[in-house]
Amino acid sequence: MIPWILRDSYYGGIVDADAINRPWWAIFTTASFYANVGRIFQDRSDEGYALTPDGMISFQQATFPVLIFDVVMIAGSPSP
């Protein structure tokens, strides 16, 4: 995610506008999806964390991170 957010001027600008370091955004958001969003399968969907004020709403049209975060979320989900 770090190379993507560093290269993308539109989405990187969103992160910059919120005064967030781009590499830190990539690391924190990926870790958050792995550790917290995966818990959605345990009916604890209110535990997701984001650094941007609107969560991931600003990134809903960004295909690459959505696909990466889907994979990370599944990888972090608990085993049945």
N, C-alpha and C. Protein backbone atom coordinates (compact mmCIF):
# COMPACT_ATOMS: atom_id res chain seq x y z
N MET A 1 0.81 -1.20 0.00
CA MET A 1 0.00 0.00 0.00
C MET A 1 0.85 1.26 0.00
N ILE A 2 2.05 1.18 0.54
CA ILE A 2 2.90 2.38 0.59
C ILE A 2 3.21 2.90 -0.81
N PRO A 3 3.66 2.05 -1.75
CA PRO A 3 3.94 2.59 -3.08
C PRO A 3 2.70 3.20 -3.74
N TRP A 4 1.54 2.57 -3.53
CA TRP A 4 0.31 3.09 -4.14
C TRP A 4 -0.03 4.47 -3.61
N ILE A 5 -0.06 4.65 -2.30
CA ILE A 5 -0.45 5.93 -1.74
C ILE A 5 0.58 7.01 -2.02
N LEU A 6 1.85 6.65 -2.15
CA LEU A 6 2.88 7.63 -2.49
C LEU A 6 2.75 8.10 -3.94
N ARG A 7 2.32 7.23 -4.83
CA ARG A 7 2.21 7.58 -6.25
C ARG A 7 0.88 8.22 -6.63
N ASP A 8 -0.18 7.89 -5.94
CA ASP A 8 -1.51 8.38 -6.33
C ASP A 8 -1.73 9.80 -5.82
N SER A 9 -1.82 10.73 -6.73
CA SER A 9 -1.95 12.14 -6.32
C SER A 9 -3.35 12.45 -5.77
N TYR A 10 -4.40 11.82 -6.31
CA TYR A 10 -5.75 12.12 -5.82
C TYR A 10 -5.96 11.60 -4.40
N TYR A 11 -5.77 10.30 -4.22
CA TYR A 11 -5.99 9.71 -2.90
C TYR A 11 -4.91 10.10 -1.90
N GLY A 12 -3.71 10.27 -2.38
CA GLY A 12 -2.65 10.78 -1.53
C GLY A 12 -2.96 12.18 -1.04
N GLY A 13 -3.62 12.96 -1.90
CA GLY A 13 -4.04 14.31 -1.51
C GLY A 13 -5.07 14.29 -0.39
N ILE A 14 -5.93 13.28 -0.40
CA ILE A 14 -6.91 13.16 0.68
C ILE A 14 -6.20 12.93 2.01
N VAL A 15 -5.22 12.06 1.98
CA VAL A 15 -4.44 11.77 3.20
C VAL A 15 -3.65 13.01 3.62
N ASP A 16 -3.05 13.69 2.66
CA ASP A 16 -2.29 14.91 2.95
C ASP A 16 -3.19 16.00 3.55
N ALA A 17 -4.41 16.11 3.03
CA ALA A 17 -5.33 17.15 3.52
C ALA A 17 -5.69 16.94 4.98
N ASP A 18 -5.63 15.71 5.44
CA ASP A 18 -5.92 15.41 6.84
C ASP A 18 -4.65 15.41 7.69
N ALA A 19 -3.55 15.88 7.11
CA ALA A 19 -2.25 16.00 7.80
C ALA A 19 -1.76 14.65 8.33
N ILE A 20 -1.90 13.62 7.49
CA ILE A 20 -1.45 12.28 7.86
C ILE A 20 -0.29 11.91 6.95
N ASN A 21 0.74 11.34 7.52
CA ASN A 21 1.87 10.86 6.75
C ASN A 21 1.41 9.70 5.87
N ARG A 22 1.70 9.76 4.58
CA ARG A 22 1.21 8.73 3.65
C ARG A 22 1.67 7.31 3.99
N PRO A 23 2.97 7.08 4.24
CA PRO A 23 3.36 5.71 4.61
C PRO A 23 2.70 5.24 5.91
N TRP A 24 2.55 6.13 6.87
CA TRP A 24 1.89 5.76 8.11
C TRP A 24 0.43 5.39 7.85
N TRP A 25 -0.26 6.12 6.97
CA TRP A 25 -1.64 5.80 6.62
C TRP A 25 -1.70 4.38 6.05
N ALA A 26 -0.79 4.05 5.14
CA ALA A 26 -0.80 2.74 4.50
C ALA A 26 -0.57 1.62 5.51
N ILE A 27 0.39 1.80 6.40
CA ILE A 27 0.70 0.77 7.39
C ILE A 27 -0.45 0.62 8.39
N PHE A 28 -0.92 1.73 8.93
CA PHE A 28 -1.98 1.70 9.94
C PHE A 28 -3.28 1.12 9.37
N THR A 29 -3.65 1.56 8.18
CA THR A 29 -4.92 1.11 7.59
C THR A 29 -4.88 -0.37 7.26
N THR A 30 -3.77 -0.84 6.72
CA THR A 30 -3.65 -2.26 6.42
C THR A 30 -3.70 -3.10 7.69
N ALA A 31 -2.98 -2.67 8.71
CA ALA A 31 -3.00 -3.39 9.98
C ALA A 31 -4.39 -3.36 10.61
N SER A 32 -5.08 -2.24 10.47
CA SER A 32 -6.43 -2.13 11.03
C SER A 32 -7.39 -3.09 10.34
N PHE A 33 -7.29 -3.20 9.04
CA PHE A 33 -8.14 -4.15 8.32
C PHE A 33 -7.83 -5.57 8.74
N TYR A 34 -6.57 -5.88 8.90
CA TYR A 34 -6.20 -7.25 9.29
C TYR A 34 -6.70 -7.57 10.70
N ALA A 35 -6.48 -6.68 11.63
CA ALA A 35 -6.76 -6.97 13.04
C ALA A 35 -8.20 -6.69 13.46
N ASN A 36 -8.82 -5.68 12.90
CA ASN A 36 -10.12 -5.25 13.42
C ASN A 36 -11.29 -5.54 12.52
N VAL A 37 -11.17 -5.24 11.24
CA VAL A 37 -12.30 -5.44 10.36
C VAL A 37 -12.60 -6.92 10.21
N GLY A 38 -11.60 -7.77 10.35
CA GLY A 38 -11.83 -9.20 10.31
C GLY A 38 -12.75 -9.68 11.41
N ARG A 39 -12.87 -8.90 12.47
CA ARG A 39 -13.75 -9.27 13.58
C ARG A 39 -15.22 -9.09 13.25
N ILE A 40 -15.50 -8.55 12.09
CA ILE A 40 -16.89 -8.36 11.68
C ILE A 40 -17.63 -9.70 11.67
N PHE A 41 -16.87 -10.77 11.45
CA PHE A 41 -17.47 -12.09 11.43
C PHE A 41 -17.84 -12.58 12.82
N GLN A 42 -17.39 -11.87 13.84
CA GLN A 42 -17.73 -12.23 15.22
C GLN A 42 -18.76 -11.25 15.78
N ASP A 43 -19.51 -10.59 14.92
CA ASP A 43 -20.54 -9.61 15.31
C ASP A 43 -19.97 -8.48 16.15
N ARG A 44 -18.75 -8.05 15.85
CA ARG A 44 -18.15 -6.91 16.53
C ARG A 44 -17.72 -5.90 15.48
N SER A 45 -18.66 -5.50 14.65
CA SER A 45 -18.35 -4.66 13.49
C SER A 45 -18.04 -3.22 13.85
N ASP A 46 -18.18 -2.83 15.10
CA ASP A 46 -17.96 -1.44 15.46
C ASP A 46 -16.52 -1.16 15.88
N GLU A 47 -15.59 -2.07 15.64
CA GLU A 47 -14.24 -1.91 16.13
C GLU A 47 -13.23 -1.48 15.08
N GLY A 48 -13.66 -1.10 13.88
CA GLY A 48 -12.71 -0.68 12.85
C GLY A 48 -12.12 0.68 13.17
N TYR A 49 -10.86 0.88 12.81
CA TYR A 49 -10.18 2.14 13.07
C TYR A 49 -9.71 2.73 11.75
N ALA A 50 -9.73 4.04 11.65
CA ALA A 50 -9.23 4.73 10.47
C ALA A 50 -8.61 6.05 10.90
N LEU A 51 -7.66 6.50 10.12
CA LEU A 51 -7.00 7.77 10.43
C LEU A 51 -7.72 8.96 9.80
N THR A 52 -8.45 8.72 8.73
CA THR A 52 -9.18 9.81 8.07
C THR A 52 -10.53 9.98 8.74
N PRO A 53 -11.04 11.21 8.80
CA PRO A 53 -12.29 11.47 9.52
C PRO A 53 -13.50 10.70 9.01
N ASP A 54 -13.53 10.41 7.72
CA ASP A 54 -14.68 9.69 7.17
C ASP A 54 -14.40 8.20 6.98
N GLY A 55 -13.41 7.70 7.67
CA GLY A 55 -13.07 6.28 7.54
C GLY A 55 -12.55 5.99 6.15
N MET A 56 -13.14 5.03 5.48
CA MET A 56 -12.72 4.66 4.13
C MET A 56 -13.69 5.15 3.07
N ILE A 57 -14.63 6.00 3.42
CA ILE A 57 -15.61 6.48 2.45
C ILE A 57 -14.93 7.21 1.29
N SER A 58 -13.91 7.99 1.56
CA SER A 58 -13.19 8.70 0.50
C SER A 58 -12.49 7.75 -0.46
N PHE A 59 -12.28 6.52 -0.06
CA PHE A 59 -11.53 5.57 -0.87
C PHE A 59 -12.41 4.51 -1.51
N GLN A 60 -13.72 4.67 -1.48
CA GLN A 60 -14.61 3.62 -1.96
C GLN A 60 -14.52 3.39 -3.47
N GLN A 61 -14.03 4.35 -4.22
CA GLN A 61 -13.86 4.17 -5.67
C GLN A 61 -12.43 3.77 -6.05
N ALA A 62 -11.56 3.62 -5.09
CA ALA A 62 -10.16 3.24 -5.34
C ALA A 62 -10.08 1.72 -5.42
N THR A 63 -10.03 1.19 -6.61
CA THR A 63 -10.11 -0.26 -6.83
C THR A 63 -8.97 -1.03 -6.18
N PHE A 64 -7.74 -0.58 -6.36
CA PHE A 64 -6.59 -1.34 -5.85
C PHE A 64 -6.64 -1.52 -4.34
N PRO A 65 -6.79 -0.44 -3.55
CA PRO A 65 -6.82 -0.67 -2.10
C PRO A 65 -8.03 -1.47 -1.64
N VAL A 66 -9.15 -1.30 -2.30
CA VAL A 66 -10.33 -2.08 -1.91
C VAL A 66 -10.05 -3.57 -2.07
N LEU A 67 -9.43 -3.95 -3.18
CA LEU A 67 -9.10 -5.36 -3.40
C LEU A 67 -8.07 -5.86 -2.39
N ILE A 68 -7.04 -5.06 -2.15
CA ILE A 68 -6.00 -5.45 -1.18
C ILE A 68 -6.60 -5.59 0.21
N PHE A 69 -7.43 -4.63 0.61
CA PHE A 69 -8.01 -4.68 1.95
C PHE A 69 -9.01 -5.83 2.08
N ASP A 70 -9.67 -6.21 0.99
CA ASP A 70 -10.54 -7.38 1.04
C ASP A 70 -9.73 -8.63 1.37
N VAL A 71 -8.60 -8.79 0.71
CA VAL A 71 -7.75 -9.95 0.96
C VAL A 71 -7.20 -9.92 2.39
N VAL A 72 -6.76 -8.75 2.82
CA VAL A 72 -6.21 -8.61 4.18
C VAL A 72 -7.29 -8.90 5.23
N MET A 73 -8.50 -8.43 4.96
CA MET A 73 -9.60 -8.65 5.90
C MET A 73 -9.91 -10.15 6.01
N ILE A 74 -9.94 -10.84 4.88
CA ILE A 74 -10.21 -12.28 4.91
C ILE A 74 -9.07 -13.02 5.61
N ALA A 75 -7.84 -12.61 5.35
CA ALA A 75 -6.69 -13.24 6.01
C ALA A 75 -6.73 -13.05 7.52
N GLY A 76 -7.26 -11.90 7.97
CA GLY A 76 -7.31 -11.63 9.40
C GLY A 76 -8.55 -12.13 10.09
N SER A 77 -9.48 -12.68 9.33
CA SER A 77 -10.72 -13.14 9.97
C SER A 77 -10.45 -14.42 10.77
N PRO A 78 -11.16 -14.56 11.87
CA PRO A 78 -10.93 -15.73 12.72
C PRO A 78 -11.38 -17.02 12.05
N SER A 79 -10.73 -18.09 12.40
CA SER A 79 -11.12 -19.40 11.87
C SER A 79 -12.41 -19.84 12.53
N PRO A 80 -13.24 -20.57 11.77
CA PRO A 80 -14.52 -21.04 12.37
C PRO A 80 -14.31 -22.08 13.42
